[in-house]
Amino acid sequence: MNLSDLFKIEENLQLEKKTLVFLRWIAIIGQLITVYTVYFAFNFTLPILYCSLIIFFGAITNIYLQLWFKKNNLSTLDSTIFLFYDLFQLAILIFLTGGIKNPFLIFLIVPSIISSTLLTLKNTLVLVISTVIFLIFLSFFHLPLPHPGYLHFHVPDYYLYAVPLAVLIALIFLTYFGAR
């Protein structure tokens, strides 16, 4: 196989709508369970209304994708737009729930990993760069990590730089090996 054959194969890659819809429902249900468990079962302080609205908008976009989006195979542009929205939505949710201190921060790399296995290198780079920008932003700007009210989670400064660096290394490693 020569280099031109590789690019021809890359042009034919598409993400099936049903695959993306399924993955997005898993994410939305996981987000709901996590946020509501933290708020209602653990009685931790967090902006439940804003978190619920963000998750609700994710569900609305998934219903749109499932019921009204006509194509069964999404173009690379359509796939990238939906994956970017998922990344953006998750970044907002993580902003509201502790930023880089949030243990679910690692999920920010999922859209890039999906892209690296199913989309083109160009689309994957867009998502990887966006993820890096969100990681940097969340390192400096975020609401407090949810807590029960009497205990607040404090970490040393080196932790605040080590976590995004570790996520970045995982992002590069997994997207590199996910690429064809």
N, C-alpha and C. Protein backbone atom coordinates (compact mmCIF):
# COMPACT_ATOMS: atom_id res chain seq x y z
N MET A 1 0.85 -1.18 0.00
CA MET A 1 0.00 0.00 0.00
C MET A 1 0.90 1.24 0.00
N ASN A 2 0.64 2.16 -0.91
CA ASN A 2 1.44 3.37 -0.96
C ASN A 2 0.70 4.52 -0.26
N LEU A 3 1.35 5.65 -0.19
CA LEU A 3 0.83 6.81 0.53
C LEU A 3 -0.49 7.30 -0.05
N SER A 4 -0.64 7.31 -1.37
CA SER A 4 -1.88 7.79 -1.98
C SER A 4 -3.06 6.89 -1.63
N ASP A 5 -2.82 5.58 -1.47
CA ASP A 5 -3.88 4.66 -1.06
C ASP A 5 -4.35 4.97 0.36
N LEU A 6 -3.40 5.33 1.23
CA LEU A 6 -3.74 5.66 2.60
C LEU A 6 -4.68 6.86 2.64
N PHE A 7 -4.42 7.88 1.85
CA PHE A 7 -5.27 9.06 1.85
C PHE A 7 -6.64 8.76 1.24
N LYS A 8 -6.71 7.86 0.28
CA LYS A 8 -8.00 7.47 -0.28
C LYS A 8 -8.83 6.75 0.77
N ILE A 9 -8.19 5.90 1.55
CA ILE A 9 -8.91 5.21 2.63
C ILE A 9 -9.40 6.24 3.65
N GLU A 10 -8.56 7.21 3.99
CA GLU A 10 -8.94 8.21 4.97
C GLU A 10 -10.15 9.03 4.53
N GLU A 11 -10.26 9.30 3.24
CA GLU A 11 -11.37 10.09 2.74
C GLU A 11 -12.70 9.37 2.89
N ASN A 12 -12.70 8.04 2.92
CA ASN A 12 -13.94 7.28 2.99
C ASN A 12 -14.41 7.00 4.42
N LEU A 13 -13.68 7.45 5.41
CA LEU A 13 -14.06 7.20 6.79
C LEU A 13 -15.27 8.04 7.16
N GLN A 14 -16.22 7.40 7.83
CA GLN A 14 -17.40 8.10 8.30
C GLN A 14 -17.84 7.52 9.63
N LEU A 15 -18.44 8.35 10.43
CA LEU A 15 -18.98 7.93 11.71
C LEU A 15 -20.47 7.68 11.51
N GLU A 16 -20.93 6.50 11.87
CA GLU A 16 -22.35 6.21 11.74
C GLU A 16 -23.14 6.97 12.79
N LYS A 17 -24.29 7.48 12.37
CA LYS A 17 -25.13 8.25 13.26
C LYS A 17 -25.53 7.43 14.48
N LYS A 18 -25.92 6.18 14.28
CA LYS A 18 -26.38 5.36 15.41
C LYS A 18 -25.27 5.13 16.44
N THR A 19 -24.01 5.04 15.98
CA THR A 19 -22.88 4.88 16.90
C THR A 19 -22.72 6.12 17.76
N LEU A 20 -22.74 7.29 17.12
CA LEU A 20 -22.59 8.54 17.86
C LEU A 20 -23.75 8.76 18.82
N VAL A 21 -24.97 8.50 18.36
CA VAL A 21 -26.15 8.67 19.22
C VAL A 21 -26.03 7.77 20.45
N PHE A 22 -25.63 6.52 20.24
CA PHE A 22 -25.48 5.57 21.35
C PHE A 22 -24.43 6.05 22.35
N LEU A 23 -23.27 6.46 21.85
CA LEU A 23 -22.20 6.95 22.73
C LEU A 23 -22.64 8.19 23.50
N ARG A 24 -23.38 9.07 22.82
CA ARG A 24 -23.84 10.29 23.49
C ARG A 24 -24.87 9.98 24.57
N TRP A 25 -25.76 9.00 24.34
CA TRP A 25 -26.73 8.63 25.38
C TRP A 25 -26.02 8.06 26.59
N ILE A 26 -25.00 7.26 26.37
CA ILE A 26 -24.21 6.73 27.49
C ILE A 26 -23.62 7.89 28.30
N ALA A 27 -23.04 8.87 27.61
CA ALA A 27 -22.44 10.03 28.30
C ALA A 27 -23.49 10.83 29.06
N ILE A 28 -24.64 11.08 28.45
CA ILE A 28 -25.69 11.88 29.10
C ILE A 28 -26.22 11.17 30.33
N ILE A 29 -26.49 9.88 30.22
CA ILE A 29 -26.98 9.11 31.38
C ILE A 29 -25.93 9.08 32.48
N GLY A 30 -24.66 8.89 32.11
CA GLY A 30 -23.58 8.91 33.09
C GLY A 30 -23.46 10.25 33.79
N GLN A 31 -23.60 11.33 33.03
CA GLN A 31 -23.53 12.67 33.62
C GLN A 31 -24.68 12.89 34.60
N LEU A 32 -25.89 12.49 34.20
CA LEU A 32 -27.05 12.65 35.08
C LEU A 32 -26.88 11.85 36.38
N ILE A 33 -26.49 10.60 36.25
CA ILE A 33 -26.31 9.76 37.43
C ILE A 33 -25.25 10.36 38.35
N THR A 34 -24.14 10.79 37.78
CA THR A 34 -23.05 11.33 38.59
C THR A 34 -23.45 12.62 39.29
N VAL A 35 -23.98 13.57 38.54
CA VAL A 35 -24.34 14.88 39.13
C VAL A 35 -25.44 14.72 40.18
N TYR A 36 -26.46 13.93 39.88
CA TYR A 36 -27.56 13.79 40.84
C TYR A 36 -27.16 12.96 42.06
N THR A 37 -26.28 11.99 41.89
CA THR A 37 -25.78 11.23 43.04
C THR A 37 -24.97 12.14 43.96
N VAL A 38 -24.09 12.93 43.38
CA VAL A 38 -23.26 13.85 44.17
C VAL A 38 -24.15 14.86 44.90
N TYR A 39 -25.17 15.37 44.23
CA TYR A 39 -26.02 16.40 44.83
C TYR A 39 -27.03 15.83 45.82
N PHE A 40 -27.78 14.82 45.39
CA PHE A 40 -28.88 14.33 46.22
C PHE A 40 -28.46 13.24 47.22
N ALA A 41 -27.60 12.32 46.82
CA ALA A 41 -27.21 11.23 47.74
C ALA A 41 -26.10 11.66 48.70
N PHE A 42 -25.10 12.39 48.18
CA PHE A 42 -24.00 12.82 49.03
C PHE A 42 -24.23 14.19 49.66
N ASN A 43 -25.22 14.92 49.20
CA ASN A 43 -25.54 16.27 49.69
C ASN A 43 -24.37 17.24 49.53
N PHE A 44 -23.64 17.08 48.44
CA PHE A 44 -22.53 18.00 48.17
C PHE A 44 -23.08 19.27 47.51
N THR A 45 -22.36 20.36 47.71
CA THR A 45 -22.73 21.64 47.14
C THR A 45 -22.23 21.72 45.70
N LEU A 46 -23.14 21.97 44.78
CA LEU A 46 -22.76 22.22 43.38
C LEU A 46 -23.92 22.92 42.69
N PRO A 47 -23.65 23.63 41.60
CA PRO A 47 -24.72 24.36 40.89
C PRO A 47 -25.60 23.40 40.08
N ILE A 48 -26.52 22.73 40.77
CA ILE A 48 -27.32 21.67 40.17
C ILE A 48 -28.17 22.17 39.00
N LEU A 49 -28.70 23.37 39.08
CA LEU A 49 -29.53 23.90 37.99
C LEU A 49 -28.72 24.06 36.71
N TYR A 50 -27.55 24.68 36.83
CA TYR A 50 -26.70 24.87 35.65
C TYR A 50 -26.21 23.53 35.09
N CYS A 51 -25.83 22.64 35.97
CA CYS A 51 -25.39 21.30 35.52
C CYS A 51 -26.52 20.59 34.79
N SER A 52 -27.72 20.67 35.35
CA SER A 52 -28.88 20.02 34.71
C SER A 52 -29.18 20.63 33.35
N LEU A 53 -29.06 21.95 33.24
CA LEU A 53 -29.30 22.61 31.95
C LEU A 53 -28.28 22.18 30.90
N ILE A 54 -27.04 22.10 31.29
CA ILE A 54 -25.99 21.67 30.35
C ILE A 54 -26.27 20.25 29.87
N ILE A 55 -26.61 19.36 30.79
CA ILE A 55 -26.92 17.98 30.42
C ILE A 55 -28.18 17.93 29.55
N PHE A 56 -29.18 18.74 29.89
CA PHE A 56 -30.43 18.81 29.12
C PHE A 56 -30.14 19.23 27.68
N PHE A 57 -29.29 20.23 27.47
CA PHE A 57 -28.95 20.66 26.11
C PHE A 57 -28.23 19.55 25.35
N GLY A 58 -27.41 18.78 26.05
CA GLY A 58 -26.78 17.63 25.41
C GLY A 58 -27.82 16.61 24.96
N ALA A 59 -28.84 16.38 25.80
CA ALA A 59 -29.91 15.44 25.44
C ALA A 59 -30.71 15.98 24.25
N ILE A 60 -30.98 17.28 24.23
CA ILE A 60 -31.73 17.88 23.11
C ILE A 60 -30.96 17.72 21.81
N THR A 61 -29.65 17.98 21.83
CA THR A 61 -28.87 17.83 20.59
C THR A 61 -28.82 16.37 20.16
N ASN A 62 -28.85 15.45 21.11
CA ASN A 62 -28.84 14.04 20.74
C ASN A 62 -30.19 13.60 20.16
N ILE A 63 -31.27 14.13 20.70
CA ILE A 63 -32.60 13.85 20.13
C ILE A 63 -32.67 14.41 18.71
N TYR A 64 -32.13 15.61 18.52
CA TYR A 64 -32.09 16.19 17.17
C TYR A 64 -31.30 15.27 16.24
N LEU A 65 -30.13 14.85 16.68
CA LEU A 65 -29.30 13.97 15.86
C LEU A 65 -30.03 12.67 15.55
N GLN A 66 -30.69 12.11 16.54
CA GLN A 66 -31.35 10.82 16.38
C GLN A 66 -32.59 10.90 15.49
N LEU A 67 -33.41 11.94 15.67
CA LEU A 67 -34.71 11.97 15.00
C LEU A 67 -34.78 12.84 13.75
N TRP A 68 -34.04 13.92 13.73
CA TRP A 68 -34.22 14.86 12.63
C TRP A 68 -33.02 14.99 11.70
N PHE A 69 -31.89 14.50 12.12
CA PHE A 69 -30.71 14.56 11.25
C PHE A 69 -30.85 13.43 10.24
N LYS A 70 -30.94 13.76 8.97
CA LYS A 70 -31.35 12.79 7.94
C LYS A 70 -30.29 11.77 7.55
N LYS A 71 -29.02 12.13 7.61
CA LYS A 71 -27.98 11.22 7.14
C LYS A 71 -27.72 10.10 8.14
N ASN A 72 -27.52 8.88 7.65
CA ASN A 72 -27.16 7.76 8.52
C ASN A 72 -25.66 7.70 8.76
N ASN A 73 -24.88 8.11 7.76
CA ASN A 73 -23.44 8.23 7.92
C ASN A 73 -23.10 9.71 7.94
N LEU A 74 -22.51 10.15 9.03
CA LEU A 74 -22.19 11.56 9.17
C LEU A 74 -20.92 11.88 8.39
N SER A 75 -20.89 13.04 7.78
CA SER A 75 -19.66 13.48 7.13
C SER A 75 -18.63 13.78 8.21
N THR A 76 -17.38 13.92 7.80
CA THR A 76 -16.35 14.23 8.79
C THR A 76 -16.61 15.58 9.44
N LEU A 77 -17.14 16.52 8.66
CA LEU A 77 -17.46 17.84 9.23
C LEU A 77 -18.59 17.72 10.26
N ASP A 78 -19.66 17.02 9.90
CA ASP A 78 -20.77 16.84 10.84
C ASP A 78 -20.30 16.14 12.12
N SER A 79 -19.53 15.09 11.95
CA SER A 79 -19.01 14.34 13.10
C SER A 79 -18.15 15.23 13.98
N THR A 80 -17.29 16.02 13.37
CA THR A 80 -16.41 16.90 14.13
C THR A 80 -17.21 17.95 14.89
N ILE A 81 -18.24 18.48 14.27
CA ILE A 81 -19.08 19.48 14.94
C ILE A 81 -19.77 18.86 16.16
N PHE A 82 -20.34 17.67 16.01
CA PHE A 82 -21.00 17.03 17.14
C PHE A 82 -19.99 16.66 18.23
N LEU A 83 -18.84 16.15 17.85
CA LEU A 83 -17.82 15.80 18.84
C LEU A 83 -17.28 17.05 19.53
N PHE A 84 -17.14 18.16 18.79
CA PHE A 84 -16.70 19.40 19.42
C PHE A 84 -17.75 19.88 20.42
N TYR A 85 -19.02 19.79 20.03
CA TYR A 85 -20.08 20.19 20.96
C TYR A 85 -20.00 19.34 22.24
N ASP A 86 -19.80 18.03 22.09
CA ASP A 86 -19.69 17.16 23.26
C ASP A 86 -18.51 17.56 24.14
N LEU A 87 -17.40 17.89 23.51
CA LEU A 87 -16.22 18.35 24.24
C LEU A 87 -16.52 19.66 24.98
N PHE A 88 -17.15 20.60 24.30
CA PHE A 88 -17.50 21.89 24.89
C PHE A 88 -18.47 21.71 26.05
N GLN A 89 -19.49 20.88 25.85
CA GLN A 89 -20.49 20.63 26.88
C GLN A 89 -19.84 20.03 28.12
N LEU A 90 -18.96 19.06 27.92
CA LEU A 90 -18.28 18.43 29.04
C LEU A 90 -17.33 19.40 29.74
N ALA A 91 -16.67 20.26 28.97
CA ALA A 91 -15.78 21.26 29.57
C ALA A 91 -16.58 22.22 30.46
N ILE A 92 -17.76 22.62 30.03
CA ILE A 92 -18.60 23.49 30.87
C ILE A 92 -19.02 22.75 32.13
N LEU A 93 -19.42 21.50 31.99
CA LEU A 93 -19.83 20.71 33.15
C LEU A 93 -18.66 20.55 34.14
N ILE A 94 -17.49 20.32 33.61
CA ILE A 94 -16.31 20.19 34.48
C ILE A 94 -15.95 21.54 35.10
N PHE A 95 -16.11 22.63 34.36
CA PHE A 95 -15.91 23.97 34.92
C PHE A 95 -16.81 24.18 36.14
N LEU A 96 -18.06 23.75 36.02
CA LEU A 96 -19.04 23.94 37.10
C LEU A 96 -18.77 23.03 38.30
N THR A 97 -17.98 21.97 38.11
CA THR A 97 -17.84 20.96 39.16
C THR A 97 -16.37 20.70 39.54
N GLY A 98 -15.56 21.74 39.56
CA GLY A 98 -14.23 21.59 40.14
C GLY A 98 -13.06 21.71 39.20
N GLY A 99 -13.29 21.85 37.90
CA GLY A 99 -12.18 22.02 36.97
C GLY A 99 -11.24 20.83 36.98
N ILE A 100 -9.94 21.10 37.00
CA ILE A 100 -8.97 20.00 36.92
C ILE A 100 -8.94 19.15 38.19
N LYS A 101 -9.58 19.59 39.24
CA LYS A 101 -9.67 18.76 40.45
C LYS A 101 -10.76 17.69 40.31
N ASN A 102 -11.60 17.83 39.32
CA ASN A 102 -12.68 16.88 39.09
C ASN A 102 -12.11 15.57 38.55
N PRO A 103 -12.38 14.45 39.22
CA PRO A 103 -11.81 13.17 38.75
C PRO A 103 -12.32 12.73 37.38
N PHE A 104 -13.40 13.32 36.90
CA PHE A 104 -13.94 12.98 35.59
C PHE A 104 -13.29 13.79 34.46
N LEU A 105 -12.30 14.56 34.78
CA LEU A 105 -11.58 15.37 33.79
C LEU A 105 -11.05 14.53 32.64
N ILE A 106 -10.66 13.31 32.92
CA ILE A 106 -10.09 12.43 31.90
C ILE A 106 -11.05 12.22 30.72
N PHE A 107 -12.35 12.36 30.96
CA PHE A 107 -13.32 12.16 29.89
C PHE A 107 -13.24 13.24 28.81
N LEU A 108 -12.51 14.32 29.07
CA LEU A 108 -12.32 15.34 28.03
C LEU A 108 -11.61 14.79 26.80
N ILE A 109 -10.86 13.72 26.96
CA ILE A 109 -10.10 13.20 25.82
C ILE A 109 -10.93 12.27 24.93
N VAL A 110 -12.12 11.88 25.36
CA VAL A 110 -12.92 10.91 24.61
C VAL A 110 -13.27 11.39 23.20
N PRO A 111 -13.76 12.63 22.99
CA PRO A 111 -14.06 13.03 21.60
C PRO A 111 -12.85 12.95 20.66
N SER A 112 -11.68 13.29 21.16
CA SER A 112 -10.47 13.19 20.32
C SER A 112 -10.12 11.75 20.01
N ILE A 113 -10.32 10.87 20.97
CA ILE A 113 -10.03 9.45 20.75
C ILE A 113 -11.00 8.87 19.72
N ILE A 114 -12.28 9.21 19.85
CA ILE A 114 -13.26 8.76 18.86
C ILE A 114 -12.87 9.27 17.48
N SER A 115 -12.50 10.54 17.41
CA SER A 115 -12.09 11.12 16.13
C SER A 115 -10.86 10.43 15.56
N SER A 116 -9.90 10.09 16.43
CA SER A 116 -8.67 9.48 15.92
C SER A 116 -8.92 8.10 15.33
N THR A 117 -9.94 7.42 15.79
CA THR A 117 -10.22 6.09 15.26
C THR A 117 -11.19 6.12 14.08
N LEU A 118 -12.01 7.16 13.97
CA LEU A 118 -13.06 7.15 12.96
C LEU A 118 -13.02 8.30 11.96
N LEU A 119 -12.22 9.32 12.23
CA LEU A 119 -12.21 10.49 11.35
C LEU A 119 -10.80 10.77 10.84
N THR A 120 -10.66 11.85 10.12
CA THR A 120 -9.38 12.19 9.51
C THR A 120 -8.43 12.83 10.52
N LEU A 121 -7.16 12.88 10.15
CA LEU A 121 -6.15 13.50 11.00
C LEU A 121 -6.46 14.97 11.24
N LYS A 122 -6.90 15.66 10.21
CA LYS A 122 -7.22 17.09 10.33
C LYS A 122 -8.33 17.32 11.36
N ASN A 123 -9.37 16.52 11.31
CA ASN A 123 -10.46 16.66 12.26
C ASN A 123 -10.01 16.31 13.67
N THR A 124 -9.17 15.30 13.77
CA THR A 124 -8.64 14.91 15.08
C THR A 124 -7.79 16.02 15.67
N LEU A 125 -6.97 16.66 14.84
CA LEU A 125 -6.13 17.77 15.33
C LEU A 125 -6.98 18.92 15.84
N VAL A 126 -8.07 19.21 15.18
CA VAL A 126 -8.98 20.27 15.66
C VAL A 126 -9.48 19.94 17.06
N LEU A 127 -9.88 18.70 17.26
CA LEU A 127 -10.39 18.30 18.57
C LEU A 127 -9.29 18.23 19.63
N VAL A 128 -8.10 17.77 19.25
CA VAL A 128 -6.98 17.71 20.19
C VAL A 128 -6.59 19.12 20.63
N ILE A 129 -6.47 20.04 19.70
CA ILE A 129 -6.11 21.42 20.04
C ILE A 129 -7.19 22.05 20.92
N SER A 130 -8.45 21.79 20.60
CA SER A 130 -9.56 22.30 21.42
C SER A 130 -9.48 21.73 22.83
N THR A 131 -9.18 20.45 22.95
CA THR A 131 -9.06 19.82 24.25
C THR A 131 -7.93 20.45 25.07
N VAL A 132 -6.82 20.71 24.43
CA VAL A 132 -5.69 21.36 25.11
C VAL A 132 -6.09 22.75 25.61
N ILE A 133 -6.78 23.49 24.78
CA ILE A 133 -7.24 24.84 25.18
C ILE A 133 -8.18 24.74 26.39
N PHE A 134 -9.12 23.79 26.34
CA PHE A 134 -10.03 23.61 27.48
C PHE A 134 -9.27 23.18 28.74
N LEU A 135 -8.28 22.31 28.59
CA LEU A 135 -7.48 21.90 29.75
C LEU A 135 -6.76 23.08 30.39
N ILE A 136 -6.18 23.93 29.55
CA ILE A 136 -5.48 25.11 30.07
C ILE A 136 -6.47 26.02 30.78
N PHE A 137 -7.61 26.27 30.14
CA PHE A 137 -8.63 27.13 30.75
C PHE A 137 -9.09 26.56 32.10
N LEU A 138 -9.40 25.26 32.13
CA LEU A 138 -9.90 24.63 33.35
C LEU A 138 -8.85 24.55 34.45
N SER A 139 -7.58 24.69 34.08
CA SER A 139 -6.51 24.71 35.08
C SER A 139 -6.54 25.99 35.91
N PHE A 140 -7.03 27.06 35.31
CA PHE A 140 -6.99 28.35 35.99
C PHE A 140 -8.37 28.88 36.38
N PHE A 141 -9.39 28.45 35.68
CA PHE A 141 -10.74 28.98 35.92
C PHE A 141 -11.72 27.82 36.12
N HIS A 142 -12.37 27.79 37.26
CA HIS A 142 -13.39 26.77 37.54
C HIS A 142 -14.04 27.08 38.88
N LEU A 143 -15.21 26.55 39.06
CA LEU A 143 -15.89 26.63 40.35
C LEU A 143 -15.28 25.56 41.26
N PRO A 144 -15.53 25.66 42.55
CA PRO A 144 -14.94 24.68 43.48
C PRO A 144 -15.44 23.26 43.22
N LEU A 145 -14.60 22.30 43.57
CA LEU A 145 -14.98 20.90 43.52
C LEU A 145 -16.13 20.68 44.50
N PRO A 146 -17.20 19.99 44.09
CA PRO A 146 -18.30 19.74 45.04
C PRO A 146 -17.80 19.07 46.31
N HIS A 147 -18.36 19.51 47.42
CA HIS A 147 -17.95 18.99 48.72
C HIS A 147 -19.14 19.06 49.66
N PRO A 148 -19.07 18.38 50.80
CA PRO A 148 -20.22 18.33 51.70
C PRO A 148 -20.48 19.62 52.47
N GLY A 149 -19.62 20.59 52.35
CA GLY A 149 -19.85 21.87 53.03
C GLY A 149 -18.90 22.11 54.17
N TYR A 150 -18.55 21.11 54.92
CA TYR A 150 -17.64 21.27 56.06
C TYR A 150 -16.20 20.91 55.71
N LEU A 151 -15.99 20.33 54.54
CA LEU A 151 -14.66 19.92 54.14
C LEU A 151 -14.43 20.39 52.71
N HIS A 152 -13.31 21.04 52.50
CA HIS A 152 -12.98 21.51 51.15
C HIS A 152 -11.70 20.83 50.70
N PHE A 153 -11.66 20.41 49.45
CA PHE A 153 -10.53 19.66 48.89
C PHE A 153 -9.44 20.63 48.47
N HIS A 154 -8.30 20.61 49.16
CA HIS A 154 -7.15 21.44 48.81
C HIS A 154 -6.02 20.54 48.34
N VAL A 155 -5.35 20.97 47.30
CA VAL A 155 -4.22 20.20 46.77
C VAL A 155 -3.04 21.14 46.59
N PRO A 156 -1.83 20.58 46.60
CA PRO A 156 -0.64 21.42 46.36
C PRO A 156 -0.63 21.92 44.91
N ASP A 157 0.08 23.01 44.69
CA ASP A 157 0.13 23.61 43.36
C ASP A 157 0.65 22.66 42.29
N TYR A 158 1.64 21.83 42.65
CA TYR A 158 2.18 20.94 41.63
C TYR A 158 1.12 19.97 41.10
N TYR A 159 0.15 19.62 41.93
CA TYR A 159 -0.95 18.77 41.50
C TYR A 159 -1.78 19.47 40.43
N LEU A 160 -1.96 20.76 40.60
CA LEU A 160 -2.76 21.54 39.65
C LEU A 160 -2.12 21.62 38.27
N TYR A 161 -0.82 21.38 38.19
CA TYR A 161 -0.14 21.36 36.90
C TYR A 161 0.11 19.94 36.41
N ALA A 162 0.22 19.00 37.36
CA ALA A 162 0.49 17.61 36.99
C ALA A 162 -0.72 16.95 36.36
N VAL A 163 -1.90 17.24 36.85
CA VAL A 163 -3.11 16.59 36.33
C VAL A 163 -3.34 16.95 34.86
N PRO A 164 -3.36 18.24 34.49
CA PRO A 164 -3.56 18.53 33.07
C PRO A 164 -2.43 17.98 32.20
N LEU A 165 -1.23 17.96 32.73
CA LEU A 165 -0.11 17.39 31.97
C LEU A 165 -0.33 15.89 31.75
N ALA A 166 -0.78 15.18 32.78
CA ALA A 166 -1.06 13.75 32.65
C ALA A 166 -2.18 13.51 31.64
N VAL A 167 -3.22 14.32 31.68
CA VAL A 167 -4.32 14.19 30.72
C VAL A 167 -3.83 14.48 29.31
N LEU A 168 -2.97 15.47 29.17
CA LEU A 168 -2.40 15.80 27.86
C LEU A 168 -1.57 14.63 27.32
N ILE A 169 -0.76 14.02 28.16
CA ILE A 169 0.04 12.87 27.73
C ILE A 169 -0.87 11.72 27.31
N ALA A 170 -1.92 11.46 28.08
CA ALA A 170 -2.88 10.41 27.72
C ALA A 170 -3.56 10.74 26.40
N LEU A 171 -3.91 12.01 26.21
CA LEU A 171 -4.55 12.46 24.97
C LEU A 171 -3.65 12.19 23.77
N ILE A 172 -2.41 12.58 23.86
CA ILE A 172 -1.46 12.39 22.75
C ILE A 172 -1.23 10.89 22.50
N PHE A 173 -1.01 10.15 23.56
CA PHE A 173 -0.76 8.72 23.43
C PHE A 173 -1.94 8.00 22.79
N LEU A 174 -3.14 8.24 23.31
CA LEU A 174 -4.31 7.50 22.82
C LEU A 174 -4.76 7.95 21.43
N THR A 175 -4.63 9.24 21.12
CA THR A 175 -5.00 9.66 19.77
C THR A 175 -3.98 9.21 18.75
N TYR A 176 -2.71 9.14 19.16
CA TYR A 176 -1.68 8.66 18.23
C TYR A 176 -1.90 7.19 17.89
N PHE A 177 -2.16 6.38 18.92
CA PHE A 177 -2.35 4.96 18.68
C PHE A 177 -3.74 4.62 18.17
N GLY A 178 -4.69 5.58 18.31
CA GLY A 178 -6.02 5.36 17.74
C GLY A 178 -6.03 5.66 16.25
N ALA A 179 -5.11 6.50 15.82
CA ALA A 179 -5.04 6.84 14.39
C ALA A 179 -4.57 5.62 13.61
N ARG A 180 -5.03 5.55 12.39
CA ARG A 180 -4.66 4.41 11.55
C ARG A 180 -3.22 4.46 11.21
